[in-house]
């Protein structure tokens, strides 16, 4: 069974193409649950109308399914609670120049 840190590491390879920051540091990933070889993720986008949304979701599924021992990744888009810049890591803030 995969631990949550391995899954988050895989998700850190997925970047928002408009911001060039990974989705974990942006605070877009809300929950990660493991059920044997199936991973369920709930995540959001910086905006409900984010044009890169479909690409980000596809890339998240692919990143997880590349992990050894994973047969299926279910990435669910949620809009509640709404994303806020307060969810970003310090590294993301530094990259985007938000102090």
PDB file of N, CA and C in Angstrom:
ATOM      1  N   UNK A   1       0.842  -1.183   0.000  1.00  0.00           N
ATOM      2  CA  UNK A   1       0.000   0.000   0.000  1.00  0.00           C
ATOM      3  C   UNK A   1       0.889   1.249   0.000  1.00  0.00           C
ATOM      4  N   UNK A   2       0.531   2.218  -0.797  1.00  0.00           N
ATOM      5  CA  UNK A   2       1.301   3.449  -0.908  1.00  0.00           C
ATOM      6  C   UNK A   2       0.992   4.385   0.242  1.00  0.00           C
ATOM      7  N   UNK A   3       2.015   5.093   0.684  1.00  0.00           N
ATOM      8  CA  UNK A   3       1.755   6.092   1.715  1.00  0.00           C
ATOM      9  C   UNK A   3       1.414   7.425   1.056  1.00  0.00           C
ATOM     10  N   UNK A   4       0.816   8.286   1.834  1.00  0.00           N
ATOM     11  CA  UNK A   4       0.330   9.560   1.310  1.00  0.00           C
ATOM     12  C   UNK A   4       1.473  10.416   0.774  1.00  0.00           C
ATOM     13  N   UNK A   5       2.634  10.353   1.405  1.00  0.00           N
ATOM     14  CA  UNK A   5       3.759  11.186   0.946  1.00  0.00           C
ATOM     15  C   UNK A   5       4.209  10.792  -0.460  1.00  0.00           C
ATOM     16  N   UNK A   6       4.194   9.504  -0.783  1.00  0.00           N
ATOM     17  CA  UNK A   6       4.565   9.061  -2.135  1.00  0.00           C
ATOM     18  C   UNK A   6       3.587   9.601  -3.166  1.00  0.00           C
ATOM     19  N   UNK A   7       2.317   9.613  -2.802  1.00  0.00           N
ATOM     20  CA  UNK A   7       1.293  10.129  -3.721  1.00  0.00           C
ATOM     21  C   UNK A   7       1.454  11.631  -3.892  1.00  0.00           C
ATOM     22  N   UNK A   8       1.688  12.343  -2.788  1.00  0.00           N
ATOM     23  CA  UNK A   8       1.889  13.795  -2.875  1.00  0.00           C
ATOM     24  C   UNK A   8       3.143  14.132  -3.676  1.00  0.00           C
ATOM     25  N   UNK A   9       4.174  13.319  -3.546  1.00  0.00           N
ATOM     26  CA  UNK A   9       5.392  13.533  -4.332  1.00  0.00           C
ATOM     27  C   UNK A   9       5.079  13.402  -5.825  1.00  0.00           C
ATOM     28  N   UNK A  10       4.279  12.392  -6.179  1.00  0.00           N
ATOM     29  CA  UNK A  10       3.879  12.240  -7.585  1.00  0.00           C
ATOM     30  C   UNK A  10       3.064  13.439  -8.047  1.00  0.00           C
ATOM     31  N   UNK A  11       2.164  13.916  -7.200  1.00  0.00           N
ATOM     32  CA  UNK A  11       1.327  15.062  -7.577  1.00  0.00           C
ATOM     33  C   UNK A  11       2.137  16.358  -7.675  1.00  0.00           C
ATOM     34  N   UNK A  12       3.272  16.419  -7.011  1.00  0.00           N
ATOM     35  CA  UNK A  12       4.127  17.610  -7.132  1.00  0.00           C
ATOM     36  C   UNK A  12       4.744  17.740  -8.526  1.00  0.00           C
ATOM     37  N   UNK A  13       4.665  16.685  -9.320  1.00  0.00           N
ATOM     38  CA  UNK A  13       5.169  16.772 -10.703  1.00  0.00           C
ATOM     39  C   UNK A  13       4.152  17.442 -11.624  1.00  0.00           C
ATOM     40  N   UNK A  14       2.937  17.646 -11.125  1.00  0.00           N
ATOM     41  CA  UNK A  14       1.870  18.252 -11.924  1.00  0.00           C
ATOM     42  C   UNK A  14       1.837  19.752 -11.649  1.00  0.00           C
ATOM     43  N   UNK A  15       2.069  20.529 -12.690  1.00  0.00           N
ATOM     44  CA  UNK A  15       2.101  21.982 -12.524  1.00  0.00           C
ATOM     45  C   UNK A  15       0.897  22.645 -13.177  1.00  0.00           C
ATOM     46  N   UNK A  16       0.474  23.725 -12.557  1.00  0.00           N
ATOM     47  CA  UNK A  16      -0.508  24.592 -13.202  1.00  0.00           C
ATOM     48  C   UNK A  16       0.258  25.284 -14.329  1.00  0.00           C
ATOM     49  N   UNK A  17      -0.104  25.054 -15.583  1.00  0.00           N
ATOM     50  CA  UNK A  17       0.690  25.601 -16.693  1.00  0.00           C
ATOM     51  C   UNK A  17       0.685  27.130 -16.755  1.00  0.00           C
ATOM     52  N   UNK A  18      -0.307  27.763 -16.178  1.00  0.00           N
ATOM     53  CA  UNK A  18      -0.347  29.220 -16.202  1.00  0.00           C
ATOM     54  C   UNK A  18       0.559  29.830 -15.131  1.00  0.00           C
ATOM     55  N   UNK A  19       0.700  29.132 -13.993  1.00  0.00           N
ATOM     56  CA  UNK A  19       1.481  29.668 -12.876  1.00  0.00           C
ATOM     57  C   UNK A  19       2.852  29.017 -12.744  1.00  0.00           C
ATOM     58  N   UNK A  20       3.038  27.867 -13.381  1.00  0.00           N
ATOM     59  CA  UNK A  20       4.277  27.103 -13.326  1.00  0.00           C
ATOM     60  C   UNK A  20       4.653  26.711 -11.889  1.00  0.00           C
ATOM     61  N   UNK A  21       3.644  26.372 -11.098  1.00  0.00           N
ATOM     62  CA  UNK A  21       3.828  25.911  -9.724  1.00  0.00           C
ATOM     63  C   UNK A  21       3.028  24.620  -9.591  1.00  0.00           C
ATOM     64  N   UNK A  22       3.570  23.664  -8.827  1.00  0.00           N
ATOM     65  CA  UNK A  22       2.877  22.382  -8.707  1.00  0.00           C
ATOM     66  C   UNK A  22       1.589  22.504  -7.895  1.00  0.00           C
ATOM     67  N   UNK A  23       0.681  21.570  -8.140  1.00  0.00           N
ATOM     68  CA  UNK A  23      -0.658  21.650  -7.556  1.00  0.00           C
ATOM     69  C   UNK A  23      -0.681  21.412  -6.051  1.00  0.00           C
ATOM     70  N   UNK A  24       0.315  20.705  -5.528  1.00  0.00           N
ATOM     71  CA  UNK A  24       0.370  20.489  -4.073  1.00  0.00           C
ATOM     72  C   UNK A  24       0.758  21.793  -3.381  1.00  0.00           C
ATOM     73  N   UNK A  25       1.825  22.444  -3.865  1.00  0.00           N
ATOM     74  CA  UNK A  25       2.263  23.698  -3.246  1.00  0.00           C
ATOM     75  C   UNK A  25       1.262  24.832  -3.453  1.00  0.00           C
ATOM     76  N   UNK A  26       0.477  24.751  -4.514  1.00  0.00           N
ATOM     77  CA  UNK A  26      -0.581  25.750  -4.709  1.00  0.00           C
ATOM     78  C   UNK A  26      -1.739  25.545  -3.736  1.00  0.00           C
ATOM     79  N   UNK A  27      -1.787  24.373  -3.114  1.00  0.00           N
ATOM     80  CA  UNK A  27      -2.873  24.085  -2.178  1.00  0.00           C
ATOM     81  C   UNK A  27      -4.135  23.604  -2.870  1.00  0.00           C
ATOM     82  N   UNK A  28      -3.983  23.048  -4.063  1.00  0.00           N
ATOM     83  CA  UNK A  28      -5.148  22.591  -4.813  1.00  0.00           C
ATOM     84  C   UNK A  28      -5.608  21.195  -4.400  1.00  0.00           C
ATOM     85  N   UNK A  29      -4.723  20.419  -3.781  1.00  0.00           N
ATOM     86  CA  UNK A  29      -5.061  19.056  -3.373  1.00  0.00           C
ATOM     87  C   UNK A  29      -5.659  19.102  -1.970  1.00  0.00           C
ATOM     88  N   UNK A  30      -6.899  18.652  -1.851  1.00  0.00           N
ATOM     89  CA  UNK A  30      -7.600  18.679  -0.564  1.00  0.00           C
ATOM     90  C   UNK A  30      -7.477  17.363   0.193  1.00  0.00           C
ATOM     91  N   UNK A  31      -7.772  16.242  -0.457  1.00  0.00           N
ATOM     92  CA  UNK A  31      -7.699  14.953   0.230  1.00  0.00           C
ATOM     93  C   UNK A  31      -7.081  13.899  -0.678  1.00  0.00           C
ATOM     94  N   UNK A  32      -6.402  12.935  -0.024  1.00  0.00           N
ATOM     95  CA  UNK A  32      -5.849  11.772  -0.711  1.00  0.00           C
ATOM     96  C   UNK A  32      -6.216  10.559   0.133  1.00  0.00           C
ATOM     97  N   UNK A  33      -6.903   9.608  -0.480  1.00  0.00           N
ATOM     98  CA  UNK A  33      -7.282   8.378   0.224  1.00  0.00           C
ATOM     99  C   UNK A  33      -6.845   7.173  -0.601  1.00  0.00           C
ATOM    100  N   UNK A  34      -6.314   6.183   0.103  1.00  0.00           N
ATOM    101  CA  UNK A  34      -5.839   4.964  -0.541  1.00  0.00           C
ATOM    102  C   UNK A  34      -6.729   3.796  -0.145  1.00  0.00           C
ATOM    103  N   UNK A  35      -7.206   3.075  -1.138  1.00  0.00           N
ATOM    104  CA  UNK A  35      -7.971   1.842  -0.918  1.00  0.00           C
ATOM    105  C   UNK A  35      -7.289   0.749  -1.724  1.00  0.00           C
ATOM    106  N   UNK A  36      -6.351   0.075  -1.075  1.00  0.00           N
ATOM    107  CA  UNK A  36      -5.522  -0.944  -1.719  1.00  0.00           C
ATOM    108  C   UNK A  36      -4.784  -0.332  -2.907  1.00  0.00           C
ATOM    109  N   UNK A  37      -5.155  -0.693  -4.137  1.00  0.00           N
ATOM    110  CA  UNK A  37      -4.440  -0.196  -5.311  1.00  0.00           C
ATOM    111  C   UNK A  37      -5.173   0.932  -6.033  1.00  0.00           C
ATOM    112  N   UNK A  38      -6.203   1.494  -5.379  1.00  0.00           N
ATOM    113  CA  UNK A  38      -6.982   2.598  -5.952  1.00  0.00           C
ATOM    114  C   UNK A  38      -6.763   3.845  -5.095  1.00  0.00           C
ATOM    115  N   UNK A  39      -6.464   4.961  -5.750  1.00  0.00           N
ATOM    116  CA  UNK A  39      -6.224   6.222  -5.064  1.00  0.00           C
ATOM    117  C   UNK A  39      -7.342   7.194  -5.417  1.00  0.00           C
ATOM    118  N   UNK A  40      -7.954   7.765  -4.383  1.00  0.00           N
ATOM    119  CA  UNK A  40      -8.987   8.785  -4.571  1.00  0.00           C
ATOM    120  C   UNK A  40      -8.440  10.130  -4.113  1.00  0.00           C
ATOM    121  N   UNK A  41      -8.549  11.121  -4.971  1.00  0.00           N
ATOM    122  CA  UNK A  41      -8.061  12.465  -4.670  1.00  0.00           C
ATOM    123  C   UNK A  41      -9.195  13.450  -4.893  1.00  0.00           C
ATOM    124  N   UNK A  42      -9.344  14.364  -3.955  1.00  0.00           N
ATOM    125  CA  UNK A  42     -10.230  15.513  -4.159  1.00  0.00           C
ATOM    126  C   UNK A  42      -9.344  16.730  -4.273  1.00  0.00           C
ATOM    127  N   UNK A  43      -9.587  17.492  -5.318  1.00  0.00           N
ATOM    128  CA  UNK A  43      -8.793  18.698  -5.533  1.00  0.00           C
ATOM    129  C   UNK A  43      -9.665  19.788  -6.132  1.00  0.00           C
ATOM    130  N   UNK A  44      -9.126  20.971  -6.164  1.00  0.00           N
ATOM    131  CA  UNK A  44      -9.846  22.103  -6.717  1.00  0.00           C
ATOM    132  C   UNK A  44      -8.954  22.807  -7.727  1.00  0.00           C
ATOM    133  N   UNK A  45      -9.421  23.911  -8.225  1.00  0.00           N
ATOM    134  CA  UNK A  45      -8.654  24.761  -9.134  1.00  0.00           C
ATOM    135  C   UNK A  45      -8.634  26.169  -8.556  1.00  0.00           C
ATOM    136  N   UNK A  46      -7.736  26.991  -9.038  1.00  0.00           N
ATOM    137  CA  UNK A  46      -7.668  28.356  -8.524  1.00  0.00           C
ATOM    138  C   UNK A  46      -8.916  29.149  -8.878  1.00  0.00           C
ATOM    139  N   UNK A  47      -9.613  28.699  -9.925  1.00  0.00           N
ATOM    140  CA  UNK A  47     -10.840  29.358 -10.370  1.00  0.00           C
ATOM    141  C   UNK A  47     -11.739  28.314 -11.016  1.00  0.00           C
ATOM    142  N   UNK A  48     -13.059  28.390 -10.804  1.00  0.00           N
ATOM    143  CA  UNK A  48     -13.951  27.426 -11.466  1.00  0.00           C
ATOM    144  C   UNK A  48     -13.839  27.468 -12.990  1.00  0.00           C
ATOM    145  N   UNK A  49     -13.452  28.594 -13.536  1.00  0.00           N
ATOM    146  CA  UNK A  49     -13.343  28.746 -14.989  1.00  0.00           C
ATOM    147  C   UNK A  49     -11.913  28.560 -15.493  1.00  0.00           C
ATOM    148  N   UNK A  50     -11.055  27.943 -14.707  1.00  0.00           N
ATOM    149  CA  UNK A  50      -9.646  27.754 -15.078  1.00  0.00           C
ATOM    150  C   UNK A  50      -9.549  27.018 -16.417  1.00  0.00           C
ATOM    151  N   UNK A  51      -8.976  27.650 -17.442  1.00  0.00           N
ATOM    152  CA  UNK A  51      -8.900  27.005 -18.751  1.00  0.00           C
ATOM    153  C   UNK A  51      -7.975  25.788 -18.762  1.00  0.00           C
ATOM    154  N   UNK A  52      -7.067  25.706 -17.809  1.00  0.00           N
ATOM    155  CA  UNK A  52      -6.138  24.583 -17.750  1.00  0.00           C
ATOM    156  C   UNK A  52      -6.686  23.422 -16.922  1.00  0.00           C
ATOM    157  N   UNK A  53      -7.894  23.556 -16.398  1.00  0.00           N
ATOM    158  CA  UNK A  53      -8.475  22.551 -15.524  1.00  0.00           C
ATOM    159  C   UNK A  53      -8.441  21.130 -16.078  1.00  0.00           C
ATOM    160  N   UNK A  54      -8.957  20.894 -17.280  1.00  0.00           N
ATOM    161  CA  UNK A  54      -8.945  19.524 -17.816  1.00  0.00           C
ATOM    162  C   UNK A  54      -7.524  18.952 -17.935  1.00  0.00           C
ATOM    163  N   UNK A  55      -6.581  19.774 -18.331  1.00  0.00           N
ATOM    164  CA  UNK A  55      -5.191  19.329 -18.456  1.00  0.00           C
ATOM    165  C   UNK A  55      -4.612  18.974 -17.085  1.00  0.00           C
ATOM    166  N   UNK A  56      -4.871  19.801 -16.090  1.00  0.00           N
ATOM    167  CA  UNK A  56      -4.366  19.553 -14.746  1.00  0.00           C
ATOM    168  C   UNK A  56      -4.938  18.246 -14.201  1.00  0.00           C
ATOM    169  N   UNK A  57      -6.232  18.034 -14.371  1.00  0.00           N
ATOM    170  CA  UNK A  57      -6.865  16.800 -13.890  1.00  0.00           C
ATOM    171  C   UNK A  57      -6.289  15.569 -14.587  1.00  0.00           C
ATOM    172  N   UNK A  58      -6.134  15.622 -15.903  1.00  0.00           N
ATOM    173  CA  UNK A  58      -5.541  14.503 -16.646  1.00  0.00           C
ATOM    174  C   UNK A  58      -4.135  14.209 -16.159  1.00  0.00           C
ATOM    175  N   UNK A  59      -3.344  15.268 -15.970  1.00  0.00           N
ATOM    176  CA  UNK A  59      -1.964  15.083 -15.534  1.00  0.00           C
ATOM    177  C   UNK A  59      -1.891  14.511 -14.118  1.00  0.00           C
ATOM    178  N   UNK A  60      -2.830  14.880 -13.266  1.00  0.00           N
ATOM    179  CA  UNK A  60      -2.865  14.340 -11.902  1.00  0.00           C
ATOM    180  C   UNK A  60      -3.167  12.840 -11.939  1.00  0.00           C
ATOM    181  N   UNK A  61      -4.140  12.438 -12.736  1.00  0.00           N
ATOM    182  CA  UNK A  61      -4.467  11.014 -12.867  1.00  0.00           C
ATOM    183  C   UNK A  61      -3.249  10.248 -13.376  1.00  0.00           C
ATOM    184  N   UNK A  62      -2.613  10.761 -14.416  1.00  0.00           N
ATOM    185  CA  UNK A  62      -1.449  10.099 -15.000  1.00  0.00           C
ATOM    186  C   UNK A  62      -0.318   9.977 -13.990  1.00  0.00           C
ATOM    187  N   UNK A  63      -0.034  11.042 -13.246  1.00  0.00           N
ATOM    188  CA  UNK A  63       1.060  11.020 -12.268  1.00  0.00           C
ATOM    189  C   UNK A  63       0.833   9.948 -11.211  1.00  0.00           C
ATOM    190  N   UNK A  64      -0.387   9.818 -10.748  1.00  0.00           N
ATOM    191  CA  UNK A  64      -0.695   8.818  -9.721  1.00  0.00           C
ATOM    192  C   UNK A  64      -0.640   7.407 -10.306  1.00  0.00           C
ATOM    193  N   UNK A  65      -1.207   7.229 -11.483  1.00  0.00           N
ATOM    194  CA  UNK A  65      -1.256   5.897 -12.073  1.00  0.00           C
ATOM    195  C   UNK A  65       0.113   5.395 -12.513  1.00  0.00           C
ATOM    196  N   UNK A  66       1.107   6.261 -12.597  1.00  0.00           N
ATOM    197  CA  UNK A  66       2.475   5.828 -12.899  1.00  0.00           C
ATOM    198  C   UNK A  66       3.162   5.218 -11.683  1.00  0.00           C
ATOM    199  N   UNK A  67       2.598   5.420 -10.502  1.00  0.00           N
ATOM    200  CA  UNK A  67       3.188   4.853  -9.287  1.00  0.00           C
ATOM    201  C   UNK A  67       3.033   3.332  -9.279  1.00  0.00           C
ATOM    202  N   UNK A  68       4.077   2.663  -8.867  1.00  0.00           N
ATOM    203  CA  UNK A  68       4.029   1.205  -8.779  1.00  0.00           C
ATOM    204  C   UNK A  68       2.977   0.782  -7.754  1.00  0.00           C
ATOM    205  N   UNK A  69       2.154  -0.161  -8.137  1.00  0.00           N
ATOM    206  CA  UNK A  69       1.131  -0.671  -7.242  1.00  0.00           C
ATOM    207  C   UNK A  69      -0.221   0.011  -7.372  1.00  0.00           C
ATOM    208  N   UNK A  70      -0.303   1.046  -8.210  1.00  0.00           N
ATOM    209  CA  UNK A  70      -1.577   1.748  -8.405  1.00  0.00           C
ATOM    210  C   UNK A  70      -2.210   1.252  -9.701  1.00  0.00           C
ATOM    211  N   UNK A  71      -3.463   0.831  -9.607  1.00  0.00           N
ATOM    212  CA  UNK A  71      -4.171   0.408 -10.813  1.00  0.00           C
ATOM    213  C   UNK A  71      -5.164   1.453 -11.295  1.00  0.00           C
ATOM    214  N   UNK A  72      -5.601   2.331 -10.375  1.00  0.00           N
ATOM    215  CA  UNK A  72      -6.614   3.327 -10.758  1.00  0.00           C
ATOM    216  C   UNK A  72      -6.479   4.551  -9.880  1.00  0.00           C
ATOM    217  N   UNK A  73      -6.584   5.719 -10.514  1.00  0.00           N
ATOM    218  CA  UNK A  73      -6.624   6.992  -9.787  1.00  0.00           C
ATOM    219  C   UNK A  73      -7.936   7.693 -10.131  1.00  0.00           C
ATOM    220  N   UNK A  74      -8.673   8.037  -9.103  1.00  0.00           N
ATOM    221  CA  UNK A  74      -9.905   8.799  -9.274  1.00  0.00           C
ATOM    222  C   UNK A  74      -9.651  10.199  -8.742  1.00  0.00           C
ATOM    223  N   UNK A  75      -9.614  11.163  -9.631  1.00  0.00           N
ATOM    224  CA  UNK A  75      -9.386  12.550  -9.222  1.00  0.00           C
ATOM    225  C   UNK A  75     -10.693  13.300  -9.415  1.00  0.00           C
ATOM    226  N   UNK A  76     -11.231  13.737  -8.291  1.00  0.00           N
ATOM    227  CA  UNK A  76     -12.527  14.425  -8.296  1.00  0.00           C
ATOM    228  C   UNK A  76     -12.306  15.921  -8.100  1.00  0.00           C
ATOM    229  N   UNK A  77     -12.917  16.702  -8.954  1.00  0.00           N
ATOM    230  CA  UNK A  77     -12.837  18.158  -8.848  1.00  0.00           C
ATOM    231  C   UNK A  77     -13.945  18.643  -7.916  1.00  0.00           C
ATOM    232  N   UNK A  78     -13.561  19.399  -6.891  1.00  0.00           N
ATOM    233  CA  UNK A  78     -14.530  19.977  -5.958  1.00  0.00           C
ATOM    234  C   UNK A  78     -14.299  21.489  -5.908  1.00  0.00           C
ATOM    235  N   UNK A  79     -15.334  22.228  -5.640  1.00  0.00           N
ATOM    236  CA  UNK A  79     -15.217  23.683  -5.553  1.00  0.00           C
ATOM    237  C   UNK A  79     -15.559  24.200  -4.157  1.00  0.00           C
ATOM    238  N   UNK A  80     -15.758  23.272  -3.237  1.00  0.00           N
ATOM    239  CA  UNK A  80     -16.067  23.670  -1.873  1.00  0.00           C
ATOM    240  C   UNK A  80     -15.172  22.882  -0.933  1.00  0.00           C
ATOM    241  N   UNK A  81     -14.389  23.548  -0.121  1.00  0.00           N
ATOM    242  CA  UNK A  81     -14.326  24.997   0.016  1.00  0.00           C
ATOM    243  C   UNK A  81     -13.587  25.611  -1.171  1.00  0.00           C
ATOM    244  N   UNK A  82     -13.912  26.849  -1.494  1.00  0.00           N
ATOM    245  CA  UNK A  82     -13.217  27.500  -2.607  1.00  0.00           C
ATOM    246  C   UNK A  82     -11.737  27.691  -2.288  1.00  0.00           C
ATOM    247  N   UNK A  83     -10.917  27.618  -3.332  1.00  0.00           N
ATOM    248  CA  UNK A  83      -9.490  27.810  -3.158  1.00  0.00           C
ATOM    249  C   UNK A  83      -9.204  29.250  -2.748  1.00  0.00           C
ATOM    250  N   UNK A  84      -8.166  29.415  -1.958  1.00  0.00           N
ATOM    251  CA  UNK A  84      -7.708  30.731  -1.526  1.00  0.00           C
ATOM    252  C   UNK A  84      -6.188  30.734  -1.559  1.00  0.00           C
ATOM    253  N   UNK A  85      -5.560  31.871  -1.841  1.00  0.00           N
ATOM    254  CA  UNK A  85      -4.094  31.949  -1.804  1.00  0.00           C
ATOM    255  C   UNK A  85      -3.520  31.573  -0.432  1.00  0.00           C
ATOM    256  N   UNK A  86      -4.332  31.605   0.604  1.00  0.00           N
ATOM    257  CA  UNK A  86      -3.865  31.212   1.931  1.00  0.00           C
ATOM    258  C   UNK A  86      -3.449  29.742   1.978  1.00  0.00           C
ATOM    259  N   UNK A  87      -3.899  28.944   1.028  1.00  0.00           N
ATOM    260  CA  UNK A  87      -3.582  27.518   1.001  1.00  0.00           C
ATOM    261  C   UNK A  87      -2.197  27.236   0.419  1.00  0.00           C
ATOM    262  N   UNK A  88      -1.565  28.230  -0.202  1.00  0.00           N
ATOM    263  CA  UNK A  88      -0.272  28.014  -0.852  1.00  0.00           C
ATOM    264  C   UNK A  88       0.847  27.819   0.162  1.00  0.00           C
ATOM    265  N   UNK A  89       1.835  27.017  -0.232  1.00  0.00           N
ATOM    266  CA  UNK A  89       3.031  26.827   0.593  1.00  0.00           C
ATOM    267  C   UNK A  89       3.917  28.066   0.488  1.00  0.00           C
ATOM    268  N   UNK A  90       4.863  28.178   1.392  1.00  0.00           N
ATOM    269  CA  UNK A  90       5.811  29.293   1.337  1.00  0.00           C
ATOM    270  C   UNK A  90       6.611  29.269   0.039  1.00  0.00           C
ATOM    271  N   UNK A  91       6.966  28.067  -0.442  1.00  0.00           N
ATOM    272  CA  UNK A  91       7.710  27.961  -1.703  1.00  0.00           C
ATOM    273  C   UNK A  91       6.895  28.517  -2.871  1.00  0.00           C
ATOM    274  N   UNK A  92       5.596  28.204  -2.895  1.00  0.00           N
ATOM    275  CA  UNK A  92       4.734  28.716  -3.967  1.00  0.00           C
ATOM    276  C   UNK A  92       4.628  30.238  -3.883  1.00  0.00           C
ATOM    277  N   UNK A  93       4.488  30.749  -2.680  1.00  0.00           N
ATOM    278  CA  UNK A  93       4.413  32.207  -2.498  1.00  0.00           C
ATOM    279  C   UNK A  93       5.690  32.889  -2.996  1.00  0.00           C
ATOM    280  N   UNK A  94       6.834  32.289  -2.660  1.00  0.00           N
ATOM    281  CA  UNK A  94       8.117  32.852  -3.112  1.00  0.00           C
ATOM    282  C   UNK A  94       8.213  32.826  -4.632  1.00  0.00           C
ATOM    283  N   UNK A  95       7.822  31.731  -5.231  1.00  0.00           N
ATOM    284  CA  UNK A  95       7.886  31.602  -6.686  1.00  0.00           C
ATOM    285  C   UNK A  95       7.017  32.642  -7.376  1.00  0.00           C
ATOM    286  N   UNK A  96       5.834  32.894  -6.799  1.00  0.00           N
ATOM    287  CA  UNK A  96       4.896  33.826  -7.421  1.00  0.00           C
ATOM    288  C   UNK A  96       5.080  35.273  -6.936  1.00  0.00           C
ATOM    289  N   UNK A  97       6.019  35.471  -6.022  1.00  0.00           N
ATOM    290  CA  UNK A  97       6.277  36.822  -5.528  1.00  0.00           C
ATOM    291  C   UNK A  97       5.195  37.360  -4.606  1.00  0.00           C
ATOM    292  N   UNK A  98       4.537  36.450  -3.878  1.00  0.00           N
ATOM    293  CA  UNK A  98       3.492  36.856  -2.926  1.00  0.00           C
ATOM    294  C   UNK A  98       4.086  36.805  -1.528  1.00  0.00           C
ATOM    295  N   UNK A  99       4.096  37.935  -0.881  1.00  0.00           N
ATOM    296  CA  UNK A  99       4.712  37.999   0.459  1.00  0.00           C
ATOM    297  C   UNK A  99       3.705  38.354   1.508  1.00  0.00           C
TER     298      UNK A  99
END
